[in-house]
Amino acid sequence: MARNRNYEIELTPEERTLFKKLSKKAAGNTRIRYLILIHADKKHAKKSQTYKDIANKVGVSEPTVIKTLKLFSEGGIKKVLEVKRSNLSDVSALKADGEFEARIIAKACSEPPKGYSRWTLDLLEEAAYMILQQHPEFGFESIDRSTIGRVLKRNEVRPHLNEYWCIPPEADADFVAHMEDILDQYALPYDSKCPLWCMDEKPFQLLDHARNPIPMKPGDVAKIDSEYKREGTVSIFCFTKPHTGTIIPIVEETRTAVDWAEKVKHLVDVLEPKAEKIVLVMDNLNTHSISSLYKAFPPAEARRIAKRLDVHYTPKHGSWLDIAEIAINIMTRQCLGRRIPSIDILREELKAWETDHNQDAVPINWQFTNDKARIKLARLYPDIEKYKLERDERRKEKLEKLKDKENVEEKTDEVLEEKTS
């Protein structure tokens, strides 16, 4: 039998309008409380409602409805929105003391225990227990893994994830000089007489199936045998034009200075025959050098190609500045994420992908500029005062040595004079 209502409420028009507006913006328990009050409003109910009726409309239990209406009757909306937790709740104690939460975060960001590759919730639960044993002032003896999970989520700490990244060195003038040069090139508007191209290489392993895959069918995924045949490794040269989004992949059996030189000649004579100068951004791999042109062509031809190029190298350990890496990532995800058994098939597949991609190519919107670099990567910029101070110290040392030398010479002259006299 449904309970009779002991707590009847009647909202003013202003309260009802406000609660409706706030319920659309609120989330979780706060939204539920607003909805309970709106549905329990005696003035707008078509018929007498029981607690069960309100609970069914909002999707909560009867005790939740009773508690909310009781709080509203006693202290209005302010008391309803006050979050109270049991003193026995570990979450309550945790939220009351940020120091313990900080210790959990610090532990999750530290090196995992010996023998483990990363922190897990079980390991953090054990670590939390040790912390609580050492610090009884926190007021509770244990904490469950779900609470630790909420702490990690709330603070965006994800020990189960990592990302491989080219971490640049600290305060490196050479890195900064090359980076700013590259970013200046990216910031320039498109010029058909001097187009910008970026270049990079990707090794690719040819693989064949040891057994034929089972095709996908409704209700079941495709099945590919884990065993495979190695068919050798090839190199994919990738050229991309950021202002248009054009990507040109070229596959070769080898990655030598001659291979690179031939691809650059293709860029100059086939891809950009009308350009007066081609700005070429690439990493400083040993074969990516003007000298490679002289290993592939007669001097006059090598010099002709070189004069058409304006080469800019990314800094060491700064290959992420090469937009061609973005193009390679797109190409890998859309075309190369599978087993391809031969170089001929690879060339066919990449040619088909290139044609389709370049028909609807989208310019690459590079937004990282020198102004942003000077803020976000400030630690990479050298300390000017430090270098000036070192310069002054060296000058001082040099001056002192010069004075010492002059003093020695003066004393020598005095000794000679005494002997002659």
Protein backbone atom coordinates (compact mmCIF):
# COMPACT_ATOMS: atom_id res chain seq x y z
CA MET A 1 0.00 0.00 0.00
CA ALA A 2 1.35 3.43 -0.93
CA ARG A 3 2.21 5.75 1.91
CA ASN A 4 0.18 8.87 2.62
CA ARG A 5 2.12 12.07 2.21
CA ASN A 6 3.21 13.80 5.39
CA TYR A 7 5.19 16.44 3.55
CA GLU A 8 3.13 18.58 1.17
CA ILE A 9 4.87 21.42 -0.67
CA GLU A 10 3.56 24.27 -2.79
CA LEU A 11 6.00 26.17 -4.97
CA THR A 12 5.62 29.79 -5.95
CA PRO A 13 5.53 30.51 -9.72
CA GLU A 14 9.02 32.01 -9.43
CA GLU A 15 10.39 28.92 -7.61
CA ARG A 16 8.85 26.52 -10.11
CA THR A 17 10.26 28.44 -13.08
CA LEU A 18 13.70 28.65 -11.45
CA PHE A 19 13.78 24.95 -10.50
CA LYS A 20 12.84 23.93 -14.05
CA LYS A 21 15.61 26.10 -15.46
CA LEU A 22 18.20 24.82 -12.99
CA SER A 23 17.20 21.18 -13.47
CA LYS A 24 18.18 21.41 -17.15
CA LYS A 25 21.67 22.60 -16.28
CA ALA A 26 22.25 20.44 -13.20
CA ALA A 27 23.46 16.83 -13.21
CA GLY A 28 23.35 13.80 -10.97
CA ASN A 29 21.72 14.06 -7.55
CA THR A 30 21.19 17.82 -7.83
CA ARG A 31 19.01 17.39 -10.90
CA ILE A 32 17.05 14.60 -9.18
CA ARG A 33 16.27 16.86 -6.21
CA TYR A 34 14.95 19.60 -8.46
CA LEU A 35 12.74 17.12 -10.36
CA ILE A 36 11.29 15.72 -7.10
CA LEU A 37 10.28 19.20 -5.98
CA ILE A 38 8.76 20.03 -9.37
CA HIS A 39 6.67 16.82 -9.49
CA ALA A 40 5.66 17.13 -5.83
CA ASP A 41 4.30 20.66 -6.30
CA LYS A 42 0.79 20.42 -4.89
CA LYS A 43 -0.44 23.43 -6.86
CA HIS A 44 0.25 21.91 -10.30
CA ALA A 45 -0.67 18.27 -9.58
CA LYS A 46 -3.82 17.12 -11.42
CA LYS A 47 -4.63 14.71 -8.60
CA SER A 48 -3.31 13.75 -5.21
CA GLN A 49 0.10 12.09 -5.60
CA THR A 50 1.72 9.56 -3.31
CA TYR A 51 5.44 9.26 -2.67
CA LYS A 52 5.44 6.25 -4.96
CA ASP A 53 3.88 8.26 -7.79
CA ILE A 54 6.60 10.90 -7.54
CA ALA A 55 9.31 8.27 -7.22
CA ASN A 56 8.12 6.52 -10.40
CA LYS A 57 8.09 9.78 -12.35
CA VAL A 58 11.59 10.78 -11.31
CA GLY A 59 13.06 7.27 -11.28
CA VAL A 60 14.22 7.12 -7.64
CA SER A 61 13.19 5.29 -4.47
CA GLU A 62 10.42 6.42 -2.08
CA PRO A 63 12.87 7.16 0.79
CA THR A 64 14.75 9.57 -1.49
CA VAL A 65 11.50 11.43 -2.25
CA ILE A 66 10.52 11.56 1.45
CA LYS A 67 13.96 12.79 2.52
CA THR A 68 14.00 15.53 -0.16
CA LEU A 69 10.51 16.81 0.69
CA LYS A 70 11.31 16.74 4.42
CA LEU A 71 14.45 18.81 3.92
CA PHE A 72 12.60 21.32 1.73
CA SER A 73 9.82 21.65 4.32
CA GLU A 74 12.38 22.27 7.08
CA GLY A 75 14.85 24.60 5.40
CA GLY A 76 13.91 25.29 1.78
CA ILE A 77 16.04 24.65 -1.28
CA LYS A 78 19.28 25.55 0.52
CA LYS A 79 18.93 22.61 2.89
CA VAL A 80 17.92 20.27 0.04
CA LEU A 81 21.11 21.01 -1.85
CA GLU A 82 23.40 20.53 1.12
CA VAL A 83 25.34 17.29 0.61
CA LYS A 84 25.62 15.32 3.84
CA ARG A 85 27.45 12.03 4.15
CA SER A 86 27.76 9.57 6.97
CA ASN A 87 30.80 10.04 9.19
CA LEU A 88 31.59 6.39 8.54
CA SER A 89 31.85 6.97 4.79
CA ASP A 90 35.41 6.76 3.50
CA VAL A 91 34.42 9.06 0.63
CA SER A 92 33.23 11.65 3.14
CA ALA A 93 36.51 11.49 5.02
CA LEU A 94 38.46 11.60 1.76
CA LYS A 95 36.64 14.69 0.50
CA ALA A 96 37.10 16.35 3.87
CA ASP A 97 40.90 16.03 3.70
CA GLY A 98 42.68 16.93 0.50
CA GLU A 99 46.06 15.89 1.92
CA PHE A 100 45.24 12.19 1.66
CA GLU A 101 43.97 12.62 -1.89
CA ALA A 102 47.20 14.43 -2.77
CA ARG A 103 49.20 11.48 -1.39
CA ILE A 104 47.24 9.04 -3.59
CA ILE A 105 47.85 11.19 -6.68
CA ALA A 106 51.56 11.50 -5.87
CA LYS A 107 51.80 7.74 -5.46
CA ALA A 108 50.04 7.08 -8.79
CA CYS A 109 52.44 9.47 -10.53
CA SER A 110 55.53 7.80 -9.09
CA GLU A 111 57.41 4.73 -10.32
CA PRO A 112 55.39 1.50 -9.80
CA PRO A 113 56.65 -1.20 -7.41
CA LYS A 114 59.48 -3.40 -8.59
CA GLY A 115 58.21 -6.15 -10.87
CA TYR A 116 55.25 -4.11 -12.19
CA SER A 117 55.04 -2.01 -15.33
CA ARG A 118 52.38 0.38 -14.01
CA TRP A 119 50.18 1.20 -11.03
CA THR A 120 46.84 -0.63 -10.85
CA LEU A 121 43.87 0.04 -8.55
CA ASP A 122 44.79 -3.02 -6.50
CA LEU A 123 48.37 -1.80 -6.03
CA LEU A 124 47.16 1.70 -5.15
CA GLU A 125 44.71 0.20 -2.65
CA GLU A 126 47.63 -1.54 -0.92
CA ALA A 127 49.67 1.67 -1.01
CA ALA A 128 46.75 3.62 0.45
CA TYR A 129 46.45 1.12 3.30
CA MET A 130 50.13 1.65 4.14
CA ILE A 131 49.66 5.42 4.09
CA LEU A 132 46.68 5.16 6.46
CA GLN A 133 48.66 2.94 8.83
CA GLN A 134 51.43 5.52 8.98
CA HIS A 135 49.06 8.49 9.34
CA PRO A 136 46.20 7.71 11.78
CA GLU A 137 45.24 11.41 11.78
CA PHE A 138 43.28 10.84 8.58
CA GLY A 139 40.59 9.16 10.69
CA PHE A 140 39.94 5.95 8.74
CA GLU A 141 41.81 2.68 8.39
CA SER A 142 41.09 1.57 4.84
CA ILE A 143 39.78 2.76 1.49
CA ASP A 144 38.32 0.75 -1.36
CA ARG A 145 39.54 0.66 -4.94
CA SER A 146 36.38 2.33 -6.32
CA THR A 147 37.13 5.45 -4.28
CA ILE A 148 40.71 5.47 -5.54
CA GLY A 149 39.34 5.15 -9.07
CA ARG A 150 37.16 8.22 -8.53
CA VAL A 151 40.15 10.17 -7.21
CA LEU A 152 42.20 9.29 -10.30
CA LYS A 153 39.35 10.14 -12.65
CA ARG A 154 38.61 13.45 -10.94
CA ASN A 155 42.24 14.51 -11.22
CA GLU A 156 42.73 13.09 -14.74
CA VAL A 157 45.50 10.75 -13.57
CA ARG A 158 45.72 7.72 -15.87
CA PRO A 159 48.53 5.37 -14.84
CA HIS A 160 47.30 2.72 -17.30
CA LEU A 161 48.16 4.95 -20.26
CA ASN A 162 51.39 6.30 -21.68
CA GLU A 163 52.39 8.05 -24.86
CA TYR A 164 55.62 7.84 -26.79
CA TRP A 165 56.84 11.32 -27.56
CA CYS A 166 59.99 13.07 -28.70
CA ILE A 167 60.95 14.86 -25.52
CA PRO A 168 63.20 17.82 -26.42
CA PRO A 169 66.24 18.64 -24.31
CA GLU A 170 66.29 21.41 -21.71
CA ALA A 171 67.41 24.91 -22.76
CA ASP A 172 68.87 24.12 -26.18
CA ALA A 173 69.65 27.10 -28.41
CA ASP A 174 70.18 24.89 -31.48
CA PHE A 175 66.78 23.24 -31.00
CA VAL A 176 65.06 26.60 -30.58
CA ALA A 177 66.76 28.12 -33.63
CA HIS A 178 65.67 25.27 -35.93
CA MET A 179 62.18 25.16 -34.42
CA GLU A 180 61.54 28.87 -34.91
CA ASP A 181 62.85 28.66 -38.47
CA ILE A 182 60.38 25.85 -39.25
CA LEU A 183 57.46 27.62 -37.55
CA ASP A 184 58.19 30.78 -39.54
CA GLN A 185 57.88 28.77 -42.76
CA TYR A 186 54.55 27.31 -41.64
CA ALA A 187 53.20 30.78 -40.80
CA LEU A 188 53.80 32.16 -44.32
CA PRO A 189 50.81 32.36 -46.72
CA TYR A 190 50.71 30.05 -49.73
CA ASP A 191 52.82 31.16 -52.67
CA SER A 192 52.58 29.17 -55.90
CA LYS A 193 56.01 30.45 -56.95
CA CYS A 194 57.53 29.23 -53.70
CA PRO A 195 55.35 26.35 -52.44
CA LEU A 196 55.93 24.60 -49.13
CA TRP A 197 56.45 20.82 -49.06
CA CYS A 198 57.28 18.53 -46.15
CA MET A 199 59.00 15.17 -46.51
CA ASP A 200 59.54 12.11 -44.32
CA GLU A 201 60.16 8.37 -44.66
CA LYS A 202 58.47 5.32 -43.17
CA PRO A 203 59.78 1.74 -43.16
CA PHE A 204 57.08 -0.83 -43.90
CA GLN A 205 57.22 -4.58 -43.35
CA LEU A 206 55.58 -6.73 -46.00
CA LEU A 207 53.54 -9.55 -44.42
CA ASP A 208 51.49 -12.36 -45.93
CA HIS A 209 48.88 -14.57 -44.28
CA ALA A 210 50.00 -18.05 -43.29
CA ARG A 211 46.36 -19.15 -43.57
CA ASN A 212 43.48 -17.52 -45.41
CA PRO A 213 41.39 -15.22 -43.20
CA ILE A 214 37.73 -16.06 -42.50
CA PRO A 215 35.59 -13.18 -43.84
CA MET A 216 33.23 -11.23 -41.59
CA LYS A 217 29.57 -12.18 -41.59
CA PRO A 218 26.46 -10.90 -39.77
CA GLY A 219 26.88 -11.54 -36.07
CA ASP A 220 30.58 -12.41 -36.31
CA VAL A 221 33.80 -10.49 -36.96
CA ALA A 222 36.50 -11.39 -39.47
CA LYS A 223 39.09 -13.82 -38.17
CA ILE A 224 42.79 -13.46 -39.04
CA ASP A 225 45.32 -16.08 -38.00
CA SER A 226 48.02 -14.76 -35.67
CA GLU A 227 50.73 -16.51 -37.70
CA TYR A 228 52.14 -14.65 -40.71
CA LYS A 229 54.93 -14.78 -43.28
CA ARG A 230 57.64 -12.11 -43.44
CA GLU A 231 58.16 -10.89 -47.01
CA GLY A 232 60.83 -8.24 -46.42
CA THR A 233 60.95 -4.54 -45.63
CA VAL A 234 60.51 -1.55 -47.94
CA SER A 235 60.66 2.22 -47.51
CA ILE A 236 57.83 4.66 -48.17
CA PHE A 237 58.87 8.22 -49.06
CA CYS A 238 56.06 10.62 -48.21
CA PHE A 239 55.75 14.17 -49.56
CA THR A 240 52.93 16.43 -48.41
CA LYS A 241 51.87 19.95 -49.36
CA PRO A 242 50.31 21.44 -46.18
CA HIS A 243 48.49 24.33 -47.88
CA THR A 244 46.49 21.93 -50.07
CA GLY A 245 46.63 18.69 -48.05
CA THR A 246 48.10 16.79 -51.02
CA ILE A 247 49.98 13.61 -50.03
CA ILE A 248 52.35 11.79 -52.41
CA PRO A 249 53.66 8.40 -51.21
CA ILE A 250 56.41 6.63 -53.20
CA VAL A 251 57.55 3.07 -52.41
CA GLU A 252 61.11 1.83 -52.92
CA GLU A 253 62.96 -1.36 -52.01
CA THR A 254 65.76 0.59 -50.34
CA ARG A 255 66.41 3.82 -48.46
CA THR A 256 69.69 5.22 -49.78
CA ALA A 257 71.06 8.63 -50.72
CA VAL A 258 70.34 7.84 -54.38
CA ASP A 259 66.71 6.91 -53.58
CA TRP A 260 66.21 10.22 -51.76
CA ALA A 261 67.85 12.20 -54.58
CA GLU A 262 65.59 10.61 -57.19
CA LYS A 263 62.49 11.45 -55.14
CA VAL A 264 63.59 15.06 -54.77
CA LYS A 265 64.12 15.27 -58.54
CA HIS A 266 60.55 13.97 -58.93
CA LEU A 267 59.35 16.74 -56.61
CA VAL A 268 61.23 19.43 -58.57
CA ASP A 269 60.50 18.30 -62.14
CA VAL A 270 57.13 16.52 -61.88
CA LEU A 271 55.23 17.83 -58.86
CA GLU A 272 56.38 21.48 -59.00
CA PRO A 273 57.86 22.13 -62.48
CA LYS A 274 56.75 25.81 -62.54
CA ALA A 275 57.90 26.78 -59.04
CA GLU A 276 60.83 29.18 -58.83
CA LYS A 277 61.84 27.84 -55.43
CA ILE A 278 60.52 24.94 -53.35
CA VAL A 279 60.62 25.21 -49.56
CA LEU A 280 61.37 21.68 -48.34
CA VAL A 281 61.02 20.81 -44.65
CA MET A 282 62.43 17.48 -43.46
CA ASP A 283 64.42 15.88 -40.65
CA ASN A 284 68.21 15.75 -40.75
CA LEU A 285 68.60 12.07 -41.62
CA ASN A 286 72.04 11.30 -43.05
CA THR A 287 70.68 10.83 -46.59
CA HIS A 288 68.57 14.02 -46.51
CA SER A 289 71.36 16.24 -47.77
CA ILE A 290 72.16 18.24 -50.88
CA SER A 291 75.31 16.13 -51.12
CA SER A 292 73.08 13.12 -51.91
CA LEU A 293 72.17 14.78 -55.22
CA TYR A 294 75.82 14.57 -56.29
CA LYS A 295 75.78 10.82 -55.57
CA ALA A 296 72.88 10.32 -57.99
CA PHE A 297 73.39 12.84 -60.80
CA PRO A 298 76.16 14.61 -62.74
CA PRO A 299 77.36 17.85 -61.08
CA ALA A 300 75.45 20.17 -63.43
CA GLU A 301 72.18 18.30 -62.88
CA ALA A 302 72.72 18.05 -59.14
CA ARG A 303 73.37 21.79 -58.94
CA ARG A 304 70.28 22.55 -61.04
CA ILE A 305 68.06 20.61 -58.61
CA ALA A 306 69.77 22.07 -55.53
CA LYS A 307 69.22 25.65 -56.76
CA ARG A 308 65.46 24.98 -56.89
CA LEU A 309 65.37 23.97 -53.22
CA ASP A 310 65.19 26.00 -50.01
CA VAL A 311 65.85 23.30 -47.39
CA HIS A 312 64.84 23.69 -43.72
CA TYR A 313 65.71 20.96 -41.22
CA THR A 314 63.73 20.12 -38.11
CA PRO A 315 65.84 20.18 -34.92
CA LYS A 316 67.37 17.01 -33.55
CA HIS A 317 64.76 15.15 -31.52
CA GLY A 318 62.11 17.48 -32.94
CA SER A 319 60.69 15.44 -35.81
CA TRP A 320 57.17 16.24 -34.50
CA LEU A 321 57.65 19.63 -36.19
CA ASP A 322 57.55 17.92 -39.61
CA ILE A 323 54.00 18.07 -40.99
CA ALA A 324 54.84 15.04 -43.14
CA GLU A 325 54.46 12.96 -39.96
CA ILE A 326 50.78 13.95 -39.89
CA ALA A 327 50.43 12.78 -43.49
CA ILE A 328 52.14 9.47 -42.68
CA ASN A 329 49.78 8.97 -39.75
CA ILE A 330 46.74 9.54 -42.00
CA MET A 331 48.13 7.19 -44.65
CA THR A 332 48.91 4.50 -42.07
CA ARG A 333 45.46 4.59 -40.47
CA GLN A 334 43.54 4.62 -43.73
CA CYS A 335 45.62 2.34 -45.94
CA LEU A 336 48.52 0.55 -44.23
CA GLY A 337 46.86 -0.90 -41.13
CA ARG A 338 46.80 -4.46 -42.50
CA ARG A 339 48.98 -7.19 -43.96
CA ILE A 340 50.27 -6.48 -47.47
CA PRO A 341 52.33 -9.32 -49.00
CA SER A 342 54.35 -7.68 -51.82
CA ILE A 343 55.78 -4.38 -52.96
CA ASP A 344 53.68 -4.44 -56.15
CA ILE A 345 50.45 -4.81 -54.19
CA LEU A 346 51.61 -2.08 -51.78
CA ARG A 347 52.25 0.29 -54.68
CA GLU A 348 48.82 -0.45 -56.16
CA GLU A 349 47.05 0.08 -52.84
CA LEU A 350 48.90 3.31 -52.08
CA LYS A 351 48.27 4.65 -55.59
CA ALA A 352 44.55 4.00 -55.23
CA TRP A 353 44.53 5.63 -51.79
CA GLU A 354 46.57 8.62 -53.04
CA THR A 355 44.16 9.26 -55.94
CA ASP A 356 41.11 9.08 -53.70
CA HIS A 357 42.63 11.18 -50.92
CA ASN A 358 43.97 13.97 -53.14
CA GLN A 359 40.62 14.43 -54.90
CA ASP A 360 39.12 15.75 -51.65
CA ALA A 361 42.30 16.82 -49.86
CA VAL A 362 41.88 19.23 -46.96
CA PRO A 363 44.60 21.75 -46.01
CA ILE A 364 46.48 20.91 -42.83
CA ASN A 365 45.66 23.58 -40.25
CA TRP A 366 48.92 23.95 -38.33
CA GLN A 367 48.29 26.26 -35.37
CA PHE A 368 51.51 26.04 -33.34
CA THR A 369 53.39 29.32 -33.83
CA ASN A 370 56.54 30.94 -32.47
CA ASP A 371 54.45 33.08 -30.11
CA LYS A 372 52.90 29.94 -28.60
CA ALA A 373 56.24 28.13 -28.53
CA ARG A 374 57.80 30.93 -26.49
CA ILE A 375 55.12 30.40 -23.86
CA LYS A 376 54.50 26.64 -23.88
CA LEU A 377 58.14 25.65 -24.48
CA ALA A 378 59.75 28.44 -22.47
CA ARG A 379 61.98 25.90 -20.70
CA LEU A 380 63.74 25.17 -24.01
CA TYR A 381 64.87 28.75 -24.47
CA PRO A 382 68.36 29.54 -23.15
CA ASP A 383 68.85 31.85 -20.18
CA ILE A 384 70.34 34.94 -21.86
CA GLU A 385 71.64 36.42 -18.62
CA LYS A 386 73.43 33.15 -17.83
CA TYR A 387 75.33 33.24 -21.13
CA LYS A 388 76.18 36.90 -20.69
CA LEU A 389 77.46 36.17 -17.20
CA GLU A 390 79.61 33.33 -18.52
CA ARG A 391 80.93 35.69 -21.20
CA ASP A 392 81.84 38.30 -18.57
CA GLU A 393 83.55 35.65 -16.43
CA ARG A 394 85.66 34.50 -19.37
CA ARG A 395 86.62 38.09 -20.18
CA LYS A 396 87.60 38.63 -16.56
CA GLU A 397 89.71 35.46 -16.51
CA LYS A 398 91.34 36.45 -19.79
CA LEU A 399 92.15 39.92 -18.45
CA GLU A 400 93.62 38.47 -15.25
CA LYS A 401 95.83 36.10 -17.24
CA LEU A 402 96.98 39.00 -19.40
CA LYS A 403 97.86 41.03 -16.30
CA ASP A 404 99.73 38.09 -14.80
CA LYS A 405 101.67 37.72 -18.03
CA GLU A 406 102.57 41.42 -18.04
CA ASN A 407 103.69 41.22 -14.41
CA VAL A 408 105.92 38.25 -15.21
CA GLU A 409 107.44 40.10 -18.16
CA GLU A 410 108.09 43.19 -16.01
CA LYS A 411 109.83 41.13 -13.35
CA THR A 412 111.89 39.39 -16.01
CA ASP A 413 112.98 42.72 -17.43
CA GLU A 414 113.94 43.96 -13.96
CA VAL A 415 116.08 40.85 -13.33
CA LEU A 416 117.84 41.28 -16.66
CA GLU A 417 118.56 44.94 -15.92
CA GLU A 418 120.06 44.04 -12.53
CA LYS A 419 122.31 41.41 -14.09
CA THR A 420 123.57 43.72 -16.83
CA SER A 421 124.23 46.51 -14.34
